[in-house]
């Protein structure tokens, strides 16, 4: 068995070398690459993705996994060896269904589409993106068509990022959550609006970036194994255990960026930096699902990053950096400002109470597009009607409407958005479980200490990496399956206090 395991790890190491090299090229494309490199970059990424897919789906890998099947049964379920065999087989059985040529075509198209989007969004030019999105939809349908045994065309695409979930199960969860959100948002928006003018002043970008990095250092993000750069749409990427990078974006006249986008991406980074090093270069050496990953980015961004206890420590420091802007602004006024609820256009800037309505809308559009109920040409108008109905605002243009998210323009249609809201739900469950074991966590925040929470998350979520399914992680860490109630209770309590509901 040891010999076969070693062979498997050697093959997987080569696959991950190729995948990680592609990630480096993708990171460069979205940060520093000159526009003239776009065509060649698409070809380079396509080649690496094809080679990685061919190497992983080589029949020899399948034979190794089959040889190890009997050994797996003799090992403890949660051992590294048993988990490696089990999780690799699951990924192998999924990846072997995809033709390498389609993988390469999708990768090349995603690169080309992203570059087109980076020009089309500032230019408010959906017409330029329509043929790209139509091809993405076609490729997504073709990809889904290679899988069998699913009830909905979106199911294999959702399984790519959230293995435990299906279109039906996500719809059920979102329907329950929406039942909590709509009346809560209605209650809040009937109150006098919170004054957030203190955030909408000229703030130096360099100072904002320096402060945001100061905060995430306190959280535990390790800059010896990471860095932060500017990009159009923030993301986290991992090249190795020792190189986990984040990106952010800045606005001179809005203090919320880059601060909260940095906290969000640092949450992803903390997860990847916390995975056990011995799991590197295998399917166990990465977060298991988009929902689990988003549970961490949204937890650190919002549950921690927009809490009173945290800002009792950090706000004096922020006032010191911007004395003319914030020196006379009381902490409570600042706290209410960063938690203001309003009907807004942009998902990434949305408050906690309305954010999930943005996600649910996008998830519904994905299903409608895949089912053929909605044509790409009709998407901008459908977007305007739905956001006006659900959020209560209407975008003046496509730049802040259907073009605002990069996801459909550098990924698939299907499985791109549900993880954000699943993450919000799970994040509340994880934080509640951590508090139950360590009730002093908020008091530690007030002292600028986040180690107890980070240690609990590392032990229960980060260190095992991809060994367990999302549902298994939830049950091990919280003793419960996915539940909307803790998240709904969190929102009602927090905003009930702020708005005196």
Protein backbone atom coordinates (compact mmCIF):
# COMPACT_ATOMS: atom_id res chain seq x y z
CA UNK A 1 0.00 0.00 0.00
CA UNK A 2 2.76 2.46 0.87
CA UNK A 3 4.32 1.94 -2.55
CA UNK A 4 1.03 2.53 -4.33
CA UNK A 5 0.27 5.61 -2.21
CA UNK A 6 3.68 7.01 -3.08
CA UNK A 7 3.02 6.46 -6.80
CA UNK A 8 -0.34 8.20 -6.49
CA UNK A 9 1.16 11.19 -4.68
CA UNK A 10 3.90 11.48 -7.29
CA UNK A 11 1.36 11.62 -10.10
CA UNK A 12 -0.82 14.08 -8.20
CA UNK A 13 2.21 16.29 -7.52
CA UNK A 14 2.79 16.64 -11.27
CA UNK A 15 -0.87 17.50 -11.82
CA UNK A 16 -0.78 20.18 -9.15
CA UNK A 17 2.46 21.61 -10.53
CA UNK A 18 0.64 22.22 -13.80
CA UNK A 19 -2.50 23.56 -12.11
CA UNK A 20 -0.51 25.89 -9.89
CA UNK A 21 1.55 27.16 -12.82
CA UNK A 22 -1.75 28.00 -14.53
CA UNK A 23 -2.85 29.84 -11.38
CA UNK A 24 0.33 31.96 -11.48
CA UNK A 25 -0.42 32.94 -15.07
CA UNK A 26 -4.04 33.73 -14.18
CA UNK A 27 -2.98 35.88 -11.21
CA UNK A 28 -0.54 37.77 -13.43
CA UNK A 29 -3.23 38.28 -16.06
CA UNK A 30 -5.56 39.93 -13.57
CA UNK A 31 -2.95 42.09 -11.87
CA UNK A 32 0.11 43.13 -13.91
CA UNK A 33 -0.05 41.66 -17.43
CA UNK A 34 -0.10 44.25 -20.25
CA UNK A 35 -3.12 44.04 -22.60
CA UNK A 36 -0.88 42.89 -25.42
CA UNK A 37 -0.29 39.59 -23.67
CA UNK A 38 -3.95 38.52 -23.68
CA UNK A 39 -3.96 36.29 -26.76
CA UNK A 40 -0.82 34.38 -25.81
CA UNK A 41 -1.96 34.06 -22.20
CA UNK A 42 -5.18 32.38 -23.23
CA UNK A 43 -3.21 29.85 -25.27
CA UNK A 44 -0.76 29.22 -22.42
CA UNK A 45 -3.53 28.66 -19.88
CA UNK A 46 -5.38 26.37 -22.26
CA UNK A 47 -2.26 24.24 -22.77
CA UNK A 48 -1.58 23.90 -19.05
CA UNK A 49 -5.21 23.08 -18.22
CA UNK A 50 -5.32 20.44 -20.95
CA UNK A 51 -2.06 18.84 -19.83
CA UNK A 52 -3.14 18.82 -16.18
CA UNK A 53 -6.48 17.25 -17.09
CA UNK A 54 -4.89 14.60 -19.31
CA UNK A 55 -2.34 13.70 -16.65
CA UNK A 56 -4.97 13.45 -13.90
CA UNK A 57 -7.41 11.39 -15.98
CA UNK A 58 -4.72 9.03 -17.28
CA UNK A 59 -6.03 5.43 -16.95
CA UNK A 60 -2.97 4.65 -14.85
CA UNK A 61 -4.39 6.92 -12.11
CA UNK A 62 -7.66 5.00 -12.25
CA UNK A 63 -5.77 1.70 -11.98
CA UNK A 64 -3.86 2.97 -8.94
CA UNK A 65 -7.09 4.02 -7.27
CA UNK A 66 -8.66 0.66 -8.05
CA UNK A 67 -5.64 -1.17 -6.61
CA UNK A 68 -6.00 0.90 -3.43
CA UNK A 69 -9.73 0.32 -3.03
CA UNK A 70 -9.34 -2.68 -0.73
CA UNK A 71 -6.68 -0.89 1.34
CA UNK A 72 -9.01 2.05 1.84
CA UNK A 73 -11.56 -0.17 3.56
CA UNK A 74 -8.97 -1.40 6.03
CA UNK A 75 -7.90 2.10 7.08
CA UNK A 76 -9.68 4.48 9.51
CA UNK A 77 -12.07 6.72 7.57
CA UNK A 78 -10.40 9.93 8.74
CA UNK A 79 -6.79 8.81 8.16
CA UNK A 80 -4.82 10.82 5.60
CA UNK A 81 -4.33 7.73 3.42
CA UNK A 82 -7.97 6.66 3.38
CA UNK A 83 -9.10 10.25 2.76
CA UNK A 84 -6.60 10.67 -0.07
CA UNK A 85 -7.87 7.56 -1.85
CA UNK A 86 -11.54 8.43 -1.28
CA UNK A 87 -11.39 12.10 -2.28
CA UNK A 88 -9.06 11.54 -5.24
CA UNK A 89 -11.37 8.82 -6.57
CA UNK A 90 -14.33 11.18 -6.28
CA UNK A 91 -12.50 13.87 -8.25
CA UNK A 92 -11.13 11.35 -10.76
CA UNK A 93 -14.59 9.95 -11.49
CA UNK A 94 -15.84 13.48 -12.12
CA UNK A 95 -12.88 14.68 -14.20
CA UNK A 96 -12.69 11.57 -16.36
CA UNK A 97 -16.15 12.45 -17.69
CA UNK A 98 -14.79 15.67 -19.23
CA UNK A 99 -13.01 15.56 -22.60
CA UNK A 100 -9.60 17.22 -22.38
CA UNK A 101 -10.32 19.18 -25.55
CA UNK A 102 -13.39 20.74 -23.91
CA UNK A 103 -11.39 21.58 -20.77
CA UNK A 104 -8.77 23.33 -22.92
CA UNK A 105 -11.41 25.13 -24.99
CA UNK A 106 -13.20 26.34 -21.86
CA UNK A 107 -9.93 27.59 -20.34
CA UNK A 108 -8.91 29.50 -23.48
CA UNK A 109 -12.38 31.01 -23.79
CA UNK A 110 -12.45 32.05 -20.11
CA UNK A 111 -9.16 33.89 -20.51
CA UNK A 112 -10.31 35.66 -23.67
CA UNK A 113 -13.68 36.47 -22.13
CA UNK A 114 -12.15 37.92 -18.96
CA UNK A 115 -9.95 40.24 -20.97
CA UNK A 116 -12.94 41.39 -23.00
CA UNK A 117 -14.93 41.96 -19.79
CA UNK A 118 -12.14 44.07 -18.28
CA UNK A 119 -12.71 46.50 -21.16
CA UNK A 120 -16.46 46.09 -21.60
CA UNK A 121 -17.50 46.81 -18.02
CA UNK A 122 -15.84 50.25 -17.78
CA UNK A 123 -17.26 50.98 -21.23
CA UNK A 124 -20.78 49.83 -20.27
CA UNK A 125 -20.76 47.59 -23.34
CA UNK A 126 -22.87 44.46 -22.79
CA UNK A 127 -23.23 44.08 -26.54
CA UNK A 128 -19.51 43.34 -26.72
CA UNK A 129 -19.86 40.64 -24.05
CA UNK A 130 -23.01 39.01 -25.37
CA UNK A 131 -21.25 36.61 -27.80
CA UNK A 132 -18.74 35.66 -25.10
CA UNK A 133 -21.49 34.93 -22.59
CA UNK A 134 -23.47 32.97 -25.18
CA UNK A 135 -20.42 30.81 -25.82
CA UNK A 136 -19.86 30.39 -22.06
CA UNK A 137 -23.46 29.22 -21.72
CA UNK A 138 -23.00 26.78 -24.61
CA UNK A 139 -19.79 25.42 -23.10
CA UNK A 140 -21.46 25.09 -19.69
CA UNK A 141 -24.33 23.09 -21.17
CA UNK A 142 -21.92 20.90 -23.12
CA UNK A 143 -19.88 20.27 -19.99
CA UNK A 144 -22.97 19.35 -17.95
CA UNK A 145 -24.08 17.02 -20.75
CA UNK A 146 -21.14 14.69 -20.17
CA UNK A 147 -22.50 13.75 -16.74
CA UNK A 148 -25.38 11.41 -16.00
CA UNK A 149 -27.55 10.61 -13.02
CA UNK A 150 -28.48 14.21 -12.22
CA UNK A 151 -31.96 15.65 -11.86
CA UNK A 152 -31.09 19.12 -13.16
CA UNK A 153 -28.62 20.37 -15.78
CA UNK A 154 -27.07 22.67 -13.16
CA UNK A 155 -26.36 19.84 -10.70
CA UNK A 156 -22.95 18.75 -12.11
CA UNK A 157 -21.90 22.41 -12.37
CA UNK A 158 -22.92 23.08 -8.77
CA UNK A 159 -21.09 19.90 -7.73
CA UNK A 160 -17.87 21.37 -9.16
CA UNK A 161 -17.77 23.87 -6.32
CA UNK A 162 -20.28 22.60 -3.73
CA UNK A 163 -20.15 18.82 -3.85
CA UNK A 164 -22.97 18.22 -1.34
CA UNK A 165 -25.52 20.48 -3.04
CA UNK A 166 -27.93 20.28 -5.97
CA UNK A 167 -30.20 22.79 -7.68
CA UNK A 168 -33.11 21.41 -5.67
CA UNK A 169 -31.38 21.57 -2.28
CA UNK A 170 -30.03 25.07 -2.89
CA UNK A 171 -33.46 26.28 -4.00
CA UNK A 172 -34.99 24.94 -0.79
CA UNK A 173 -32.39 26.64 1.43
CA UNK A 174 -32.63 29.91 -0.49
CA UNK A 175 -36.42 29.90 -0.33
CA UNK A 176 -36.31 29.51 3.46
CA UNK A 177 -33.70 32.23 3.83
CA UNK A 178 -35.55 34.62 1.55
CA UNK A 179 -38.57 34.24 3.82
CA UNK A 180 -36.46 35.71 6.64
CA UNK A 181 -34.69 38.38 4.59
CA UNK A 182 -37.53 40.11 2.78
CA UNK A 183 -39.49 41.15 5.90
CA UNK A 184 -36.26 42.07 7.73
CA UNK A 185 -35.10 44.36 4.93
CA UNK A 186 -38.60 45.84 4.73
CA UNK A 187 -38.54 46.60 8.48
CA UNK A 188 -35.10 48.17 8.32
CA UNK A 189 -35.70 50.33 5.26
CA UNK A 190 -38.84 51.75 6.88
CA UNK A 191 -36.57 53.29 9.55
CA UNK A 192 -34.70 56.58 9.09
CA UNK A 193 -31.53 55.84 7.08
CA UNK A 194 -28.21 55.60 8.87
CA UNK A 195 -25.80 58.45 8.11
CA UNK A 196 -22.69 56.95 6.49
CA UNK A 197 -21.20 60.21 5.20
CA UNK A 198 -18.15 59.67 7.44
CA UNK A 199 -17.13 56.83 5.10
CA UNK A 200 -17.65 58.84 1.93
CA UNK A 201 -14.74 61.25 2.13
CA UNK A 202 -11.35 61.47 0.42
CA UNK A 203 -9.10 58.83 1.99
CA UNK A 204 -5.56 58.15 0.76
CA UNK A 205 -5.36 54.79 -0.99
CA UNK A 206 -1.88 54.00 0.35
CA UNK A 207 -3.04 54.65 3.91
CA UNK A 208 -6.16 52.52 3.39
CA UNK A 209 -4.10 49.62 2.08
CA UNK A 210 -1.59 49.89 4.92
CA UNK A 211 -4.35 49.89 7.54
CA UNK A 212 -6.20 46.95 5.98
CA UNK A 213 -2.98 44.94 5.96
CA UNK A 214 -2.39 45.89 9.60
CA UNK A 215 -5.80 44.43 10.46
CA UNK A 216 -5.29 41.12 8.66
CA UNK A 217 -1.87 40.68 10.22
CA UNK A 218 -3.69 40.81 13.56
CA UNK A 219 -6.19 38.28 12.27
CA UNK A 220 -3.30 35.92 11.52
CA UNK A 221 -2.75 36.22 7.75
CA UNK A 222 0.92 35.34 7.22
CA UNK A 223 2.68 37.75 4.85
CA UNK A 224 5.72 35.47 4.83
CA UNK A 225 3.50 33.12 2.83
CA UNK A 226 1.31 35.70 1.12
CA UNK A 227 0.96 39.16 -0.38
CA UNK A 228 -1.75 41.59 -1.51
CA UNK A 229 -2.10 43.33 -4.88
CA UNK A 230 -4.69 45.46 -6.66
CA UNK A 231 -7.06 44.08 -9.30
CA UNK A 232 -10.45 44.85 -10.89
CA UNK A 233 -12.31 42.07 -9.03
CA UNK A 234 -10.72 40.84 -5.75
CA UNK A 235 -9.84 37.17 -5.32
CA UNK A 236 -7.56 34.77 -3.44
CA UNK A 237 -5.25 32.32 -5.18
CA UNK A 238 -2.89 29.63 -3.95
CA UNK A 239 0.27 28.47 -5.72
CA UNK A 240 1.59 26.36 -2.85
CA UNK A 241 1.40 25.96 0.92
CA UNK A 242 3.99 28.74 1.15
CA UNK A 243 2.40 31.12 -1.37
CA UNK A 244 -1.24 32.11 -0.76
CA UNK A 245 -2.02 35.51 -2.30
CA UNK A 246 -4.93 37.91 -2.08
CA UNK A 247 -6.00 40.89 -4.15
CA UNK A 248 -8.21 43.89 -3.43
CA UNK A 249 -9.41 47.11 -5.06
CA UNK A 250 -9.55 50.66 -3.79
CA UNK A 251 -11.82 53.68 -3.95
CA UNK A 252 -10.48 57.06 -2.91
CA UNK A 253 -13.85 58.28 -1.66
CA UNK A 254 -15.19 55.21 0.13
CA UNK A 255 -13.43 53.83 3.19
CA UNK A 256 -15.20 50.48 2.88
CA UNK A 257 -12.83 49.58 0.05
CA UNK A 258 -10.21 48.22 0.12
CA UNK A 259 -10.82 47.47 3.81
CA UNK A 260 -13.67 44.97 3.62
CA UNK A 261 -12.58 43.38 0.36
CA UNK A 262 -9.19 42.81 2.02
CA UNK A 263 -10.84 41.24 5.09
CA UNK A 264 -12.94 39.05 2.81
CA UNK A 265 -10.03 37.73 0.76
CA UNK A 266 -7.89 37.34 3.89
CA UNK A 267 -10.57 34.97 5.20
CA UNK A 268 -9.99 32.79 2.14
CA UNK A 269 -6.25 33.13 2.67
CA UNK A 270 -6.41 32.13 6.34
CA UNK A 271 -8.26 28.97 5.33
CA UNK A 272 -5.64 27.93 2.77
CA UNK A 273 -2.70 28.93 4.98
CA UNK A 274 -4.18 26.81 7.78
CA UNK A 275 -4.37 23.52 5.86
CA UNK A 276 -1.89 20.89 7.04
CA UNK A 277 1.31 21.08 5.00
CA UNK A 278 1.52 17.32 4.55
CA UNK A 279 -1.66 17.44 2.44
CA UNK A 280 -0.08 19.76 -0.15
CA UNK A 281 -0.26 18.88 -3.87
CA UNK A 282 -3.18 16.50 -3.41
CA UNK A 283 -6.96 17.01 -3.49
CA UNK A 284 -6.79 17.11 0.32
CA UNK A 285 -4.57 20.19 0.29
CA UNK A 286 -7.34 22.69 -0.53
CA UNK A 287 -10.70 23.81 0.81
CA UNK A 288 -13.41 21.26 0.00
CA UNK A 289 -16.16 23.55 -1.27
CA UNK A 290 -17.03 27.10 -2.28
CA UNK A 291 -19.53 27.26 0.58
CA UNK A 292 -16.90 26.33 3.16
CA UNK A 293 -14.49 28.84 1.71
CA UNK A 294 -17.07 31.60 1.70
CA UNK A 295 -18.03 30.76 5.27
CA UNK A 296 -14.55 31.92 6.21
CA UNK A 297 -14.31 34.98 3.99
CA UNK A 298 -17.73 36.21 5.08
CA UNK A 299 -17.08 35.35 8.75
CA UNK A 300 -13.85 37.37 8.91
CA UNK A 301 -15.26 40.18 6.77
CA UNK A 302 -18.59 40.60 8.55
CA UNK A 303 -19.10 38.64 11.75
CA UNK A 304 -15.67 39.72 12.97
CA UNK A 305 -14.83 42.66 10.72
CA UNK A 306 -18.04 44.63 11.23
CA UNK A 307 -18.43 43.88 14.94
CA UNK A 308 -18.35 46.40 17.77
CA UNK A 309 -15.71 44.51 19.78
CA UNK A 310 -13.24 44.54 16.91
CA UNK A 311 -13.66 48.23 16.26
CA UNK A 312 -13.29 49.13 19.92
CA UNK A 313 -9.69 48.08 19.36
CA UNK A 314 -9.05 49.24 15.79
CA UNK A 315 -11.05 52.47 15.56
CA UNK A 316 -8.62 54.64 17.59
CA UNK A 317 -5.87 53.49 15.23
CA UNK A 318 -7.99 54.39 12.19
CA UNK A 319 -8.73 57.82 13.69
CA UNK A 320 -5.00 58.29 14.20
CA UNK A 321 -4.38 57.60 10.49
CA UNK A 322 -7.22 59.89 9.31
CA UNK A 323 -7.56 62.52 12.08
CA UNK A 324 -9.15 65.15 9.85
CA UNK A 325 -11.73 62.73 8.50
CA UNK A 326 -12.62 60.58 11.52
CA UNK A 327 -11.16 62.34 14.56
CA UNK A 328 -14.49 63.82 15.61
CA UNK A 329 -16.65 60.86 14.53
CA UNK A 330 -17.77 58.74 17.53
CA UNK A 331 -17.23 54.98 17.44
CA UNK A 332 -20.97 54.25 17.50
CA UNK A 333 -21.56 56.48 14.49
CA UNK A 334 -18.77 54.72 12.61
CA UNK A 335 -20.09 51.27 13.63
CA UNK A 336 -23.58 52.10 12.39
CA UNK A 337 -22.13 53.49 9.14
CA UNK A 338 -20.17 50.33 8.26
CA UNK A 339 -23.32 48.29 8.96
CA UNK A 340 -25.76 50.52 7.11
CA UNK A 341 -28.54 48.63 5.35
CA UNK A 342 -29.68 50.09 2.05
CA UNK A 343 -31.11 48.96 -1.25
CA UNK A 344 -28.00 48.96 -3.43
CA UNK A 345 -26.89 47.89 -6.90
CA UNK A 346 -23.53 46.22 -6.31
CA UNK A 347 -23.33 42.77 -4.73
CA UNK A 348 -19.77 43.12 -3.45
CA UNK A 349 -20.66 46.39 -1.70
CA UNK A 350 -23.99 45.17 -0.32
CA UNK A 351 -24.69 45.04 3.41
CA UNK A 352 -25.30 41.78 5.23
CA UNK A 353 -29.10 42.10 5.21
CA UNK A 354 -29.47 42.57 1.44
CA UNK A 355 -26.40 40.70 0.17
CA UNK A 356 -28.05 37.31 -0.12
CA UNK A 357 -30.91 38.72 -2.17
CA UNK A 358 -28.28 39.61 -4.79
CA UNK A 359 -26.92 36.05 -4.69
CA UNK A 360 -30.32 34.38 -4.88
CA UNK A 361 -31.17 36.50 -7.95
CA UNK A 362 -27.97 35.41 -9.72
CA UNK A 363 -28.54 31.75 -8.82
CA UNK A 364 -32.05 31.89 -10.27
CA UNK A 365 -30.72 33.48 -13.46
CA UNK A 366 -28.15 30.71 -13.83
CA UNK A 367 -30.87 28.07 -13.67
CA UNK A 368 -33.08 29.98 -16.12
CA UNK A 369 -30.22 30.38 -18.60
CA UNK A 370 -29.27 26.71 -18.41
CA UNK A 371 -32.89 25.59 -18.74
CA UNK A 372 -33.42 27.85 -21.77
CA UNK A 373 -36.08 29.92 -20.04
CA UNK A 374 -33.93 33.03 -20.42
CA UNK A 375 -31.83 34.09 -23.41
CA UNK A 376 -28.54 35.94 -22.97
CA UNK A 377 -29.85 38.82 -25.10
CA UNK A 378 -32.69 39.30 -22.59
CA UNK A 379 -30.50 39.10 -19.48
CA UNK A 380 -29.90 42.87 -18.98
CA UNK A 381 -33.62 43.63 -18.96
CA UNK A 382 -34.41 40.62 -16.77
CA UNK A 383 -31.67 41.85 -14.40
CA UNK A 384 -33.20 45.31 -14.18
CA UNK A 385 -36.67 43.94 -13.50
CA UNK A 386 -35.56 41.43 -10.87
CA UNK A 387 -33.28 43.75 -8.89
CA UNK A 388 -35.98 46.40 -8.89
CA UNK A 389 -38.45 43.82 -7.58
CA UNK A 390 -36.16 42.18 -4.99
CA UNK A 391 -33.84 44.98 -3.90
CA UNK A 392 -35.90 48.04 -4.77
CA UNK A 393 -33.36 49.79 -7.02
CA UNK A 394 -32.84 49.95 -10.77
CA UNK A 395 -29.37 50.10 -12.37
CA UNK A 396 -28.83 53.13 -14.62
CA UNK A 397 -26.62 51.04 -16.92
CA UNK A 398 -25.23 47.55 -17.46
CA UNK A 399 -21.89 48.50 -15.85
CA UNK A 400 -23.58 48.34 -12.46
CA UNK A 401 -26.04 45.71 -13.60
CA UNK A 402 -25.34 42.52 -15.50
CA UNK A 403 -21.67 43.35 -16.10
CA UNK A 404 -20.70 43.93 -12.46
CA UNK A 405 -19.54 40.39 -11.57
CA UNK A 406 -16.60 38.74 -13.33
CA UNK A 407 -17.85 35.21 -12.58
CA UNK A 408 -19.84 34.50 -15.76
CA UNK A 409 -17.14 36.14 -17.84
CA UNK A 410 -14.21 34.07 -16.60
CA UNK A 411 -16.00 30.91 -15.44
CA UNK A 412 -19.08 28.85 -16.18
CA UNK A 413 -22.78 29.60 -16.05
CA UNK A 414 -23.93 27.42 -13.15
CA UNK A 415 -22.43 26.91 -9.72
CA UNK A 416 -20.81 30.35 -9.62
CA UNK A 417 -22.77 32.10 -6.85
CA UNK A 418 -24.55 29.78 -4.41
CA UNK A 419 -21.39 29.37 -2.30
CA UNK A 420 -21.56 32.97 -1.05
CA UNK A 421 -24.91 32.54 0.66
CA UNK A 422 -24.22 28.97 1.77
CA UNK A 423 -21.07 30.43 3.31
CA UNK A 424 -23.01 33.11 5.19
CA UNK A 425 -25.28 30.44 6.64
CA UNK A 426 -22.41 28.14 7.66
CA UNK A 427 -20.30 31.01 8.97
CA UNK A 428 -22.98 31.83 11.55
CA UNK A 429 -23.08 28.17 12.61
CA UNK A 430 -19.28 27.98 12.95
CA UNK A 431 -19.04 31.21 14.91
CA UNK A 432 -21.83 30.10 17.23
CA UNK A 433 -20.02 26.81 17.90
CA UNK A 434 -16.74 28.63 18.57
CA UNK A 435 -18.48 31.00 20.99
CA UNK A 436 -20.12 28.10 22.81
CA UNK A 437 -16.65 26.70 23.55
CA UNK A 438 -14.93 30.07 24.08
CA UNK A 439 -17.41 32.71 25.33
CA UNK A 440 -14.56 35.19 25.85
CA UNK A 441 -13.87 35.59 22.12
CA UNK A 442 -15.58 39.03 21.81
CA UNK A 443 -13.61 40.34 24.80
CA UNK A 444 -10.41 39.17 23.10
CA UNK A 445 -11.39 41.12 19.96
CA UNK A 446 -11.56 44.27 22.08
CA UNK A 447 -7.92 43.67 23.00
CA UNK A 448 -6.93 43.08 19.38
CA UNK A 449 -6.53 39.34 19.92
CA UNK A 450 -7.99 36.89 17.41
CA UNK A 451 -5.91 33.81 18.17
CA UNK A 452 -8.58 31.84 20.02
CA UNK A 453 -11.05 32.07 17.14
CA UNK A 454 -8.35 31.35 14.57
CA UNK A 455 -7.12 28.32 16.53
CA UNK A 456 -10.67 26.91 16.74
CA UNK A 457 -11.19 27.43 12.99
CA UNK A 458 -7.83 25.87 12.16
CA UNK A 459 -8.57 22.81 14.24
CA UNK A 460 -12.13 22.28 13.06
CA UNK A 461 -12.10 23.56 9.47
CA UNK A 462 -8.72 24.56 8.07
CA UNK A 463 -6.23 21.86 9.03
CA UNK A 464 -8.19 18.88 7.57
CA UNK A 465 -8.29 20.61 4.17
CA UNK A 466 -10.38 18.54 1.77
CA UNK A 467 -10.58 15.37 3.86
CA UNK A 468 -14.27 15.75 4.66
CA UNK A 469 -17.37 16.80 2.78
CA UNK A 470 -19.03 20.07 3.68
CA UNK A 471 -21.76 18.28 5.59
CA UNK A 472 -19.17 16.24 7.50
CA UNK A 473 -17.25 19.39 8.44
CA UNK A 474 -20.47 21.01 9.68
CA UNK A 475 -21.47 18.04 11.78
CA UNK A 476 -17.98 17.58 13.26
CA UNK A 477 -17.58 21.28 14.10
CA UNK A 478 -21.11 22.22 15.16
CA UNK A 479 -22.97 18.96 15.80
CA UNK A 480 -25.57 20.05 13.25
CA UNK A 481 -26.36 19.91 9.54
CA UNK A 482 -26.86 23.04 7.43
CA UNK A 483 -29.37 25.30 9.15
CA UNK A 484 -30.68 28.75 8.20
CA UNK A 485 -31.85 29.64 11.72
CA UNK A 486 -28.49 30.62 13.33
CA UNK A 487 -27.79 33.02 10.46
CA UNK A 488 -31.31 34.47 10.55
CA UNK A 489 -31.01 34.92 14.34
CA UNK A 490 -27.64 36.64 13.90
CA UNK A 491 -29.05 39.11 11.37
CA UNK A 492 -32.17 39.84 13.44
CA UNK A 493 -30.12 40.40 16.59
CA UNK A 494 -27.47 42.60 14.97
CA UNK A 495 -29.76 44.81 12.91
CA UNK A 496 -32.51 44.80 15.51
CA UNK A 497 -29.98 46.45 17.81
CA UNK A 498 -28.69 48.94 15.22
CA UNK A 499 -32.15 49.97 13.99
CA UNK A 500 -34.02 49.51 17.28
CA UNK A 501 -36.51 47.08 15.73
